[in-house]
N, C-alpha and C. Protein backbone atom coordinates (compact mmCIF):
# COMPACT_ATOMS: atom_id res chain seq x y z
N MET A 1 -67.00 178.87 -75.96
CA MET A 1 -67.09 179.98 -75.03
C MET A 1 -68.16 180.96 -75.48
N PHE A 2 -68.94 181.49 -74.53
CA PHE A 2 -70.02 182.42 -74.85
C PHE A 2 -69.45 183.74 -75.33
N GLN A 3 -70.03 184.24 -76.40
CA GLN A 3 -69.61 185.52 -76.96
C GLN A 3 -70.81 186.45 -76.90
N ASN A 4 -70.69 187.58 -76.19
CA ASN A 4 -71.86 188.44 -76.07
C ASN A 4 -72.14 189.16 -77.37
N GLN A 5 -73.35 189.74 -77.46
CA GLN A 5 -73.82 190.35 -78.70
C GLN A 5 -72.90 191.47 -79.17
N ALA A 6 -72.42 192.31 -78.26
CA ALA A 6 -71.57 193.44 -78.66
C ALA A 6 -70.29 192.98 -79.31
N ASP A 7 -69.74 191.83 -78.87
CA ASP A 7 -68.50 191.33 -79.43
C ASP A 7 -68.66 190.87 -80.87
N ARG A 8 -69.87 190.46 -81.26
CA ARG A 8 -70.09 189.94 -82.61
C ARG A 8 -70.29 191.04 -83.64
N ARG A 9 -70.53 192.26 -83.20
CA ARG A 9 -70.75 193.36 -84.13
C ARG A 9 -69.40 193.84 -84.64
N THR A 10 -69.26 193.82 -85.96
CA THR A 10 -67.98 194.22 -86.54
C THR A 10 -68.03 195.60 -87.17
N GLU A 11 -69.21 196.15 -87.37
CA GLU A 11 -69.37 197.46 -87.99
C GLU A 11 -69.83 198.47 -86.95
N GLN A 12 -69.35 199.70 -87.10
CA GLN A 12 -69.80 200.76 -86.21
C GLN A 12 -71.26 201.07 -86.47
N ARG A 13 -72.03 201.21 -85.40
CA ARG A 13 -73.44 201.56 -85.52
C ARG A 13 -73.60 203.06 -85.32
N PHE A 14 -74.54 203.64 -86.08
CA PHE A 14 -74.82 205.06 -85.98
C PHE A 14 -76.26 205.24 -85.53
N PRO A 15 -76.50 206.06 -84.51
CA PRO A 15 -77.86 206.26 -84.01
C PRO A 15 -78.65 207.18 -84.94
N LEU A 16 -79.17 206.62 -86.00
CA LEU A 16 -79.89 207.38 -87.02
C LEU A 16 -81.36 207.00 -87.02
N ARG A 17 -82.22 207.98 -86.91
CA ARG A 17 -83.67 207.75 -87.01
C ARG A 17 -84.07 208.09 -88.44
N LEU A 18 -84.12 207.06 -89.26
CA LEU A 18 -84.45 207.20 -90.68
C LEU A 18 -85.80 206.55 -90.96
N PRO A 19 -86.61 207.17 -91.81
CA PRO A 19 -87.87 206.52 -92.20
C PRO A 19 -87.58 205.23 -92.94
N ILE A 20 -88.38 204.21 -92.65
CA ILE A 20 -88.14 202.89 -93.25
C ILE A 20 -89.48 202.23 -93.56
N ILE A 21 -89.52 201.52 -94.68
CA ILE A 21 -90.66 200.69 -95.05
C ILE A 21 -90.14 199.26 -95.07
N VAL A 22 -90.77 198.41 -94.30
CA VAL A 22 -90.33 197.02 -94.18
C VAL A 22 -91.38 196.12 -94.83
N LYS A 23 -90.91 195.24 -95.73
CA LYS A 23 -91.79 194.26 -96.37
C LYS A 23 -91.30 192.87 -96.01
N SER A 24 -92.22 192.05 -95.56
CA SER A 24 -91.92 190.66 -95.27
C SER A 24 -92.78 189.80 -96.16
N PHE A 25 -92.23 188.69 -96.60
CA PHE A 25 -92.97 187.79 -97.48
C PHE A 25 -93.32 186.49 -96.76
N GLU A 26 -93.11 186.46 -95.44
CA GLU A 26 -93.44 185.29 -94.64
C GLU A 26 -94.94 185.24 -94.44
N GLY A 27 -95.60 184.20 -94.93
CA GLY A 27 -97.04 184.06 -94.76
C GLY A 27 -97.83 185.10 -95.53
N GLY A 28 -97.36 185.51 -96.69
CA GLY A 28 -98.01 186.55 -97.47
C GLY A 28 -97.31 187.88 -97.27
N LEU A 29 -97.55 188.81 -98.16
CA LEU A 29 -96.90 190.11 -98.10
C LEU A 29 -97.43 190.92 -96.92
N LYS A 30 -96.51 191.39 -96.10
CA LYS A 30 -96.84 192.28 -94.99
C LYS A 30 -95.94 193.50 -95.13
N GLU A 31 -96.52 194.68 -94.96
CA GLU A 31 -95.74 195.90 -95.08
C GLU A 31 -96.02 196.78 -93.88
N GLU A 32 -94.97 197.38 -93.35
CA GLU A 32 -95.12 198.26 -92.19
C GLU A 32 -94.12 199.40 -92.29
N THR A 33 -94.55 200.57 -91.88
CA THR A 33 -93.70 201.75 -91.86
C THR A 33 -93.20 201.98 -90.45
N SER A 34 -91.93 202.36 -90.33
CA SER A 34 -91.33 202.60 -89.04
C SER A 34 -90.16 203.56 -89.22
N GLN A 35 -89.24 203.56 -88.27
CA GLN A 35 -88.00 204.29 -88.43
C GLN A 35 -86.89 203.51 -87.73
N THR A 36 -85.69 203.68 -88.22
CA THR A 36 -84.56 202.96 -87.63
C THR A 36 -84.20 203.59 -86.29
N ARG A 37 -83.62 202.79 -85.42
CA ARG A 37 -83.02 203.30 -84.18
C ARG A 37 -81.53 203.49 -84.41
N ASP A 38 -80.92 202.51 -85.10
CA ASP A 38 -79.52 202.64 -85.49
C ASP A 38 -79.26 201.83 -86.74
N VAL A 39 -78.18 202.22 -87.44
CA VAL A 39 -77.84 201.62 -88.73
C VAL A 39 -76.33 201.44 -88.80
N SER A 40 -75.89 200.36 -89.43
CA SER A 40 -74.47 200.18 -89.74
C SER A 40 -74.38 199.79 -91.20
N ALA A 41 -73.18 199.58 -91.69
CA ALA A 41 -72.99 199.20 -93.09
C ALA A 41 -73.60 197.83 -93.38
N ARG A 42 -73.76 197.00 -92.37
CA ARG A 42 -74.25 195.64 -92.59
C ARG A 42 -75.54 195.30 -91.87
N GLY A 43 -76.17 196.29 -91.24
CA GLY A 43 -77.38 195.96 -90.51
C GLY A 43 -78.15 197.18 -90.06
N ALA A 44 -79.30 196.89 -89.46
CA ALA A 44 -80.17 197.95 -88.94
C ALA A 44 -80.98 197.40 -87.78
N PHE A 45 -81.43 198.31 -86.93
CA PHE A 45 -82.31 197.96 -85.83
C PHE A 45 -83.47 198.93 -85.86
N PHE A 46 -84.70 198.39 -85.74
CA PHE A 46 -85.90 199.21 -85.77
C PHE A 46 -86.99 198.50 -85.00
N PHE A 47 -88.11 199.20 -84.77
CA PHE A 47 -89.24 198.65 -84.05
C PHE A 47 -90.41 198.45 -84.99
N LEU A 48 -91.15 197.36 -84.80
CA LEU A 48 -92.35 197.08 -85.58
C LEU A 48 -93.50 196.74 -84.66
N GLN A 49 -94.71 196.98 -85.13
CA GLN A 49 -95.91 196.58 -84.40
C GLN A 49 -96.10 195.06 -84.49
N ASN A 50 -95.76 194.51 -85.66
CA ASN A 50 -95.97 193.09 -85.92
C ASN A 50 -94.68 192.31 -85.76
N ARG A 51 -94.81 191.13 -85.21
CA ARG A 51 -93.65 190.25 -84.98
C ARG A 51 -93.29 189.53 -86.27
N LEU A 52 -91.99 189.48 -86.55
CA LEU A 52 -91.46 188.68 -87.67
C LEU A 52 -90.67 187.52 -87.07
N PRO A 53 -90.66 186.36 -87.72
CA PRO A 53 -89.86 185.26 -87.19
C PRO A 53 -88.37 185.48 -87.44
N GLU A 54 -87.54 185.02 -86.50
CA GLU A 54 -86.10 185.06 -86.72
C GLU A 54 -85.79 184.25 -87.97
N GLY A 55 -84.89 184.76 -88.79
CA GLY A 55 -84.54 184.09 -90.03
C GLY A 55 -85.38 184.53 -91.21
N ALA A 56 -86.44 185.32 -90.96
CA ALA A 56 -87.32 185.77 -92.04
C ALA A 56 -86.57 186.67 -93.01
N SER A 57 -86.81 186.48 -94.29
CA SER A 57 -86.26 187.35 -95.32
C SER A 57 -87.16 188.58 -95.42
N ILE A 58 -86.53 189.75 -95.51
CA ILE A 58 -87.30 190.98 -95.63
C ILE A 58 -86.69 191.87 -96.70
N GLU A 59 -87.48 192.84 -97.12
CA GLU A 59 -86.99 193.92 -97.96
C GLU A 59 -87.31 195.20 -97.22
N MET A 60 -86.37 196.09 -97.13
CA MET A 60 -86.63 197.36 -96.47
C MET A 60 -86.10 198.49 -97.34
N THR A 61 -86.84 199.58 -97.33
CA THR A 61 -86.44 200.76 -98.06
C THR A 61 -86.30 201.88 -97.06
N LEU A 62 -85.09 202.43 -96.97
CA LEU A 62 -84.89 203.56 -96.08
C LEU A 62 -84.44 204.76 -96.89
N THR A 63 -84.71 205.93 -96.35
CA THR A 63 -84.39 207.16 -97.05
C THR A 63 -83.28 207.89 -96.32
N LEU A 64 -82.17 208.12 -97.04
CA LEU A 64 -81.08 208.91 -96.50
C LEU A 64 -81.36 210.36 -96.85
N PRO A 65 -81.54 211.23 -95.85
CA PRO A 65 -81.87 212.63 -96.15
C PRO A 65 -80.67 213.40 -96.68
N SER A 66 -80.94 214.55 -97.25
CA SER A 66 -79.88 215.37 -97.84
C SER A 66 -78.83 215.79 -96.81
N GLU A 67 -79.20 215.85 -95.53
CA GLU A 67 -78.22 216.20 -94.49
C GLU A 67 -77.13 215.15 -94.38
N ILE A 68 -77.44 213.92 -94.75
CA ILE A 68 -76.45 212.84 -94.71
C ILE A 68 -75.71 212.73 -96.04
N THR A 69 -76.45 212.79 -97.15
CA THR A 69 -75.85 212.58 -98.47
C THR A 69 -75.13 213.82 -98.99
N LEU A 70 -75.45 214.98 -98.41
CA LEU A 70 -74.91 216.28 -98.85
C LEU A 70 -75.27 216.59 -100.30
N THR A 71 -76.33 215.97 -100.76
CA THR A 71 -76.90 216.22 -102.07
C THR A 71 -78.41 216.01 -101.91
N GLU A 72 -79.07 215.38 -102.83
CA GLU A 72 -80.50 215.10 -102.67
C GLU A 72 -80.73 213.85 -101.83
N SER A 73 -81.95 213.70 -101.34
CA SER A 73 -82.31 212.50 -100.58
C SER A 73 -82.19 211.27 -101.48
N ILE A 74 -81.75 210.18 -100.89
CA ILE A 74 -81.56 208.94 -101.65
C ILE A 74 -82.25 207.80 -100.92
N LYS A 75 -83.02 207.02 -101.66
CA LYS A 75 -83.63 205.81 -101.11
C LYS A 75 -82.66 204.65 -101.29
N VAL A 76 -82.60 203.82 -100.27
CA VAL A 76 -81.77 202.62 -100.31
C VAL A 76 -82.69 201.43 -100.09
N ARG A 77 -82.75 200.56 -101.09
CA ARG A 77 -83.56 199.34 -100.98
C ARG A 77 -82.63 198.21 -100.58
N CYS A 78 -82.95 197.58 -99.46
CA CYS A 78 -82.09 196.53 -98.91
C CYS A 78 -82.86 195.22 -98.81
N LYS A 79 -82.14 194.14 -99.03
CA LYS A 79 -82.67 192.81 -98.75
C LYS A 79 -81.87 192.28 -97.58
N GLY A 80 -82.58 191.69 -96.63
CA GLY A 80 -81.90 191.22 -95.44
C GLY A 80 -82.63 190.10 -94.77
N ARG A 81 -82.15 189.80 -93.56
CA ARG A 81 -82.68 188.67 -92.80
C ARG A 81 -82.75 189.08 -91.33
N VAL A 82 -83.86 188.73 -90.68
CA VAL A 82 -84.03 189.01 -89.26
C VAL A 82 -83.09 188.10 -88.47
N VAL A 83 -82.23 188.69 -87.64
CA VAL A 83 -81.29 187.89 -86.86
C VAL A 83 -81.60 187.89 -85.36
N ARG A 84 -82.39 188.88 -84.91
CA ARG A 84 -82.69 188.94 -83.49
C ARG A 84 -83.95 189.76 -83.26
N LEU A 85 -84.74 189.35 -82.27
CA LEU A 85 -85.93 190.09 -81.85
C LEU A 85 -85.78 190.44 -80.38
N LEU A 86 -86.16 191.64 -80.04
CA LEU A 86 -86.15 192.07 -78.64
C LEU A 86 -87.56 192.53 -78.28
N GLU A 87 -88.16 191.87 -77.33
CA GLU A 87 -89.54 192.14 -76.95
C GLU A 87 -89.63 193.31 -75.98
N GLU A 88 -90.72 194.08 -76.11
CA GLU A 88 -91.12 195.08 -75.14
C GLU A 88 -90.08 196.16 -74.83
N LEU A 89 -89.23 196.51 -75.78
CA LEU A 89 -88.35 197.65 -75.56
C LEU A 89 -89.14 198.94 -75.65
N GLU A 90 -90.12 198.96 -76.51
CA GLU A 90 -91.10 200.04 -76.58
C GLU A 90 -92.46 199.37 -76.45
N VAL A 91 -93.33 199.92 -75.66
CA VAL A 91 -94.63 199.31 -75.38
C VAL A 91 -95.36 199.00 -76.68
N GLY A 92 -95.75 197.74 -76.81
CA GLY A 92 -96.53 197.31 -77.96
C GLY A 92 -95.73 197.11 -79.23
N LYS A 93 -94.41 197.18 -79.15
CA LYS A 93 -93.59 197.01 -80.34
C LYS A 93 -92.51 195.97 -80.10
N VAL A 94 -92.01 195.41 -81.20
CA VAL A 94 -90.95 194.42 -81.16
C VAL A 94 -89.71 195.04 -81.79
N GLY A 95 -88.57 194.95 -81.12
CA GLY A 95 -87.31 195.40 -81.69
C GLY A 95 -86.80 194.35 -82.66
N VAL A 96 -86.39 194.79 -83.85
CA VAL A 96 -85.95 193.86 -84.90
C VAL A 96 -84.54 194.22 -85.34
N ALA A 97 -83.63 193.26 -85.24
CA ALA A 97 -82.28 193.43 -85.74
C ALA A 97 -82.17 192.67 -87.05
N VAL A 98 -81.67 193.35 -88.08
CA VAL A 98 -81.59 192.78 -89.42
C VAL A 98 -80.16 192.86 -89.93
N VAL A 99 -79.71 191.79 -90.56
CA VAL A 99 -78.44 191.83 -91.27
C VAL A 99 -78.78 192.14 -92.74
N ILE A 100 -78.05 193.11 -93.30
CA ILE A 100 -78.28 193.49 -94.70
C ILE A 100 -77.41 192.61 -95.58
N GLU A 101 -78.06 191.94 -96.54
CA GLU A 101 -77.36 191.03 -97.44
C GLU A 101 -77.13 191.63 -98.82
N GLN A 102 -77.94 192.62 -99.19
CA GLN A 102 -77.83 193.25 -100.51
C GLN A 102 -78.51 194.60 -100.45
N TYR A 103 -78.00 195.59 -101.19
CA TYR A 103 -78.67 196.88 -101.25
C TYR A 103 -78.43 197.57 -102.58
N ASP A 104 -79.38 198.43 -102.94
CA ASP A 104 -79.32 199.22 -104.17
C ASP A 104 -79.70 200.65 -103.83
N PHE A 105 -79.04 201.62 -104.45
CA PHE A 105 -79.35 203.03 -104.25
C PHE A 105 -80.26 203.53 -105.36
N ALA A 106 -81.15 204.44 -105.01
CA ALA A 106 -82.03 205.06 -106.00
C ALA A 106 -82.28 206.49 -105.58
N HIS A 107 -82.55 207.38 -106.52
CA HIS A 107 -82.87 208.76 -106.19
C HIS A 107 -84.25 208.83 -105.59
N GLU A 108 -84.53 209.91 -104.86
CA GLU A 108 -85.81 210.10 -104.17
C GLU A 108 -87.01 209.90 -105.09
N ALA A 109 -86.88 210.31 -106.34
CA ALA A 109 -87.98 210.19 -107.28
C ALA A 109 -88.26 208.75 -107.68
N TYR A 110 -87.32 207.86 -107.41
CA TYR A 110 -87.49 206.44 -107.77
C TYR A 110 -88.61 205.84 -106.95
N GLU A 111 -89.51 205.17 -107.58
CA GLU A 111 -90.63 204.52 -106.89
C GLU A 111 -90.40 203.04 -106.83
N ALA A 112 -90.60 202.46 -105.64
CA ALA A 112 -90.40 201.02 -105.44
C ALA A 112 -91.52 200.24 -106.05
């Protein structure tokens, strides 16, 4: 039986626009800066200028601002996999849905 996309999401999504740096290692290192549209405990959705293949492994670093952490800003480095692409949601950009497989926290001063 067909299961729509909303039914498969098990974590609550939060509409957070957070700065993000996305690195892909498919076909050589590619890096792009963007911001999230929404985030959950197990995934994120954001827009990129460049298309990534579904299933691609990526590393992304997002910054949680002090308004969220209630302390100093914290960078979160995540490793994940592209699970879905949505074309033309924003002109000239590709929507990318990523499942987060691993993450590490670091203070703002931490350099990747």
